[in-house]
Amino acid sequence: MGIGKTKTSNDIVSILGKGTEIDGEVSFTNGMRVDGVIKGKVRSEQSIIIGPSGKIDAEVDIRSILINGEFRGIIRATERVEIHKEGKVFGDIFSPCLIIEAGATFEGRCNMGESDIQMEEENTDPDTTL
């Protein structure tokens, strides 16, 4: 943080280092970087960065996520999902904005429209037609 620069809630202030693993539910109020492993659930209204050595196997509800490592599971991002060239995603993405760099891996489904909850309600409504 430089002179005259104020800290925002989106700044990365938490780091899960390489060699560290969390199994369970993770929530945070400021940005987070993962170079270790998270398994379970991740919830925040901020951003998360998965570093090149980072791995997340979880259901994630987040503002935005930048992936340079590996992700498996479901991402629900209110703002954006970025998969960089070293990044690998195996799972489903629900986000209004998806950016995939050349060389990245994405195997799964992407919904850039309505949320998955609204889609599930429509799919269970017998009056819904295709």
Protein backbone atom coordinates (compact mmCIF):
# COMPACT_ATOMS: atom_id res chain seq x y z
CA MET A 1 0.00 0.00 0.00
CA GLY A 2 1.58 3.27 -1.11
CA ILE A 3 1.29 6.83 0.14
CA GLY A 4 -2.19 8.21 -0.41
CA LYS A 5 -3.55 4.80 -1.32
CA THR A 6 -6.32 3.54 0.91
CA LYS A 7 -6.95 -0.11 1.61
CA THR A 8 -10.17 -1.46 0.09
CA SER A 9 -12.10 -4.56 1.11
CA ASN A 10 -11.07 -6.18 -2.21
CA ASP A 11 -7.34 -6.05 -1.37
CA ILE A 12 -5.69 -9.45 -0.85
CA VAL A 13 -4.98 -9.61 2.89
CA SER A 14 -5.30 -13.37 3.52
CA ILE A 15 -2.97 -15.98 2.07
CA LEU A 16 -3.31 -19.74 2.39
CA GLY A 17 0.27 -20.83 1.80
CA LYS A 18 1.65 -23.80 -0.12
CA GLY A 19 1.64 -26.92 2.06
CA THR A 20 -1.47 -25.81 3.99
CA GLU A 21 -4.82 -27.59 3.61
CA ILE A 22 -8.26 -26.60 4.92
CA ASP A 23 -11.16 -29.05 4.91
CA GLY A 24 -14.49 -27.40 5.79
CA GLU A 25 -16.14 -24.02 5.28
CA VAL A 26 -14.06 -20.90 4.60
CA SER A 27 -15.40 -17.34 4.67
CA PHE A 28 -13.55 -14.02 4.55
CA THR A 29 -14.27 -10.29 4.35
CA ASN A 30 -11.22 -9.16 2.35
CA GLY A 31 -9.59 -10.67 -0.74
CA MET A 32 -7.80 -14.01 -0.39
CA ARG A 33 -5.03 -15.84 -2.26
CA VAL A 34 -4.80 -19.64 -2.18
CA ASP A 35 -1.48 -21.38 -2.81
CA GLY A 36 -2.47 -24.38 -0.68
CA VAL A 37 -5.59 -26.58 -0.76
CA ILE A 38 -9.21 -25.90 0.22
CA LYS A 39 -11.87 -28.64 0.26
CA GLY A 40 -15.49 -27.93 1.20
CA LYS A 41 -17.24 -24.56 0.82
CA VAL A 42 -15.97 -21.04 0.22
CA ARG A 43 -18.18 -17.97 0.77
CA SER A 44 -17.34 -14.28 0.43
CA GLU A 45 -18.52 -11.05 -1.14
CA GLN A 46 -14.92 -10.38 -2.18
CA SER A 47 -12.39 -11.89 -4.59
CA ILE A 48 -10.24 -15.00 -4.42
CA ILE A 49 -7.12 -15.82 -6.40
CA ILE A 50 -5.96 -19.40 -6.88
CA GLY A 51 -2.19 -19.31 -7.34
CA PRO A 52 -0.28 -21.74 -9.62
CA SER A 53 0.19 -24.25 -6.76
CA GLY A 54 -3.31 -23.70 -5.35
CA LYS A 55 -6.14 -26.22 -5.50
CA ILE A 56 -9.76 -25.77 -4.53
CA ASP A 57 -12.28 -28.62 -4.49
CA ALA A 58 -15.41 -26.87 -3.31
CA GLU A 59 -18.71 -25.13 -3.82
CA VAL A 60 -17.79 -21.44 -4.10
CA ASP A 61 -20.04 -18.38 -3.73
CA ILE A 62 -17.89 -15.33 -4.43
CA ARG A 63 -17.74 -11.92 -6.12
CA SER A 64 -14.91 -12.86 -8.48
CA ILE A 65 -12.33 -15.61 -8.87
CA LEU A 66 -9.02 -15.67 -10.77
CA ILE A 67 -7.71 -19.16 -11.43
CA ASN A 68 -4.03 -19.89 -12.08
CA GLY A 69 -4.12 -23.28 -10.34
CA GLU A 70 -6.78 -26.00 -10.21
CA PHE A 71 -10.46 -25.79 -9.34
CA ARG A 72 -12.99 -28.63 -9.02
CA GLY A 73 -16.62 -28.06 -8.08
CA ILE A 74 -19.18 -25.30 -8.57
CA ILE A 75 -18.45 -21.58 -8.90
CA ARG A 76 -21.17 -18.99 -8.38
CA ALA A 77 -19.59 -15.59 -9.02
CA THR A 78 -21.63 -12.38 -8.91
CA GLU A 79 -19.07 -10.41 -10.95
CA ARG A 80 -16.60 -12.52 -12.97
CA VAL A 81 -14.58 -15.69 -13.41
CA GLU A 82 -11.12 -15.57 -15.01
CA ILE A 83 -9.27 -18.75 -15.98
CA HIS A 84 -5.68 -17.88 -16.83
CA LYS A 85 -3.49 -19.97 -19.17
CA GLU A 86 -2.11 -22.10 -16.32
CA GLY A 87 -5.58 -22.53 -14.81
CA LYS A 88 -7.70 -25.68 -14.83
CA VAL A 89 -11.41 -25.80 -14.02
CA PHE A 90 -13.41 -29.02 -13.77
CA GLY A 91 -17.00 -28.19 -12.87
CA ASP A 92 -19.83 -25.75 -13.40
CA ILE A 93 -19.65 -21.96 -13.54
CA PHE A 94 -22.51 -19.52 -12.92
CA SER A 95 -21.36 -15.95 -13.61
CA PRO A 96 -22.32 -12.94 -15.74
CA CYS A 97 -18.73 -12.72 -17.06
CA LEU A 98 -16.33 -15.53 -17.99
CA ILE A 99 -12.81 -14.94 -19.34
CA ILE A 100 -10.76 -17.92 -20.51
CA GLU A 101 -7.18 -17.29 -21.62
CA ALA A 102 -5.67 -19.35 -24.46
CA GLY A 103 -4.09 -22.49 -23.00
CA ALA A 104 -6.46 -22.74 -20.01
CA THR A 105 -8.51 -25.87 -19.32
CA PHE A 106 -12.27 -25.78 -18.72
CA GLU A 107 -14.34 -28.94 -18.56
CA GLY A 108 -17.89 -28.38 -17.40
CA ARG A 109 -20.91 -26.18 -17.98
CA CYS A 110 -21.27 -22.42 -17.88
CA ASN A 111 -24.42 -20.42 -17.25
CA MET A 112 -24.05 -16.69 -17.85
CA GLY A 113 -27.76 -15.90 -17.49
CA GLU A 114 -30.10 -16.59 -14.62
CA SER A 115 -28.84 -18.05 -11.36
CA ASP A 116 -28.85 -21.78 -10.84
CA ILE A 117 -31.59 -21.46 -8.23
CA GLN A 118 -33.92 -19.78 -10.72
CA MET A 119 -33.02 -22.39 -13.35
CA GLU A 120 -33.79 -25.24 -10.94
CA GLU A 121 -37.19 -23.69 -10.15
CA GLU A 122 -38.01 -23.39 -13.84
CA ASN A 123 -36.90 -26.96 -14.53
CA THR A 124 -39.20 -28.30 -11.81
CA ASP A 125 -42.23 -26.25 -12.92
CA PRO A 126 -44.55 -28.55 -14.93
CA ASP A 127 -45.91 -25.54 -16.88
CA THR A 128 -42.47 -24.71 -18.28
CA THR A 129 -42.14 -25.51 -21.97
CA LEU A 130 -38.99 -25.77 -24.06
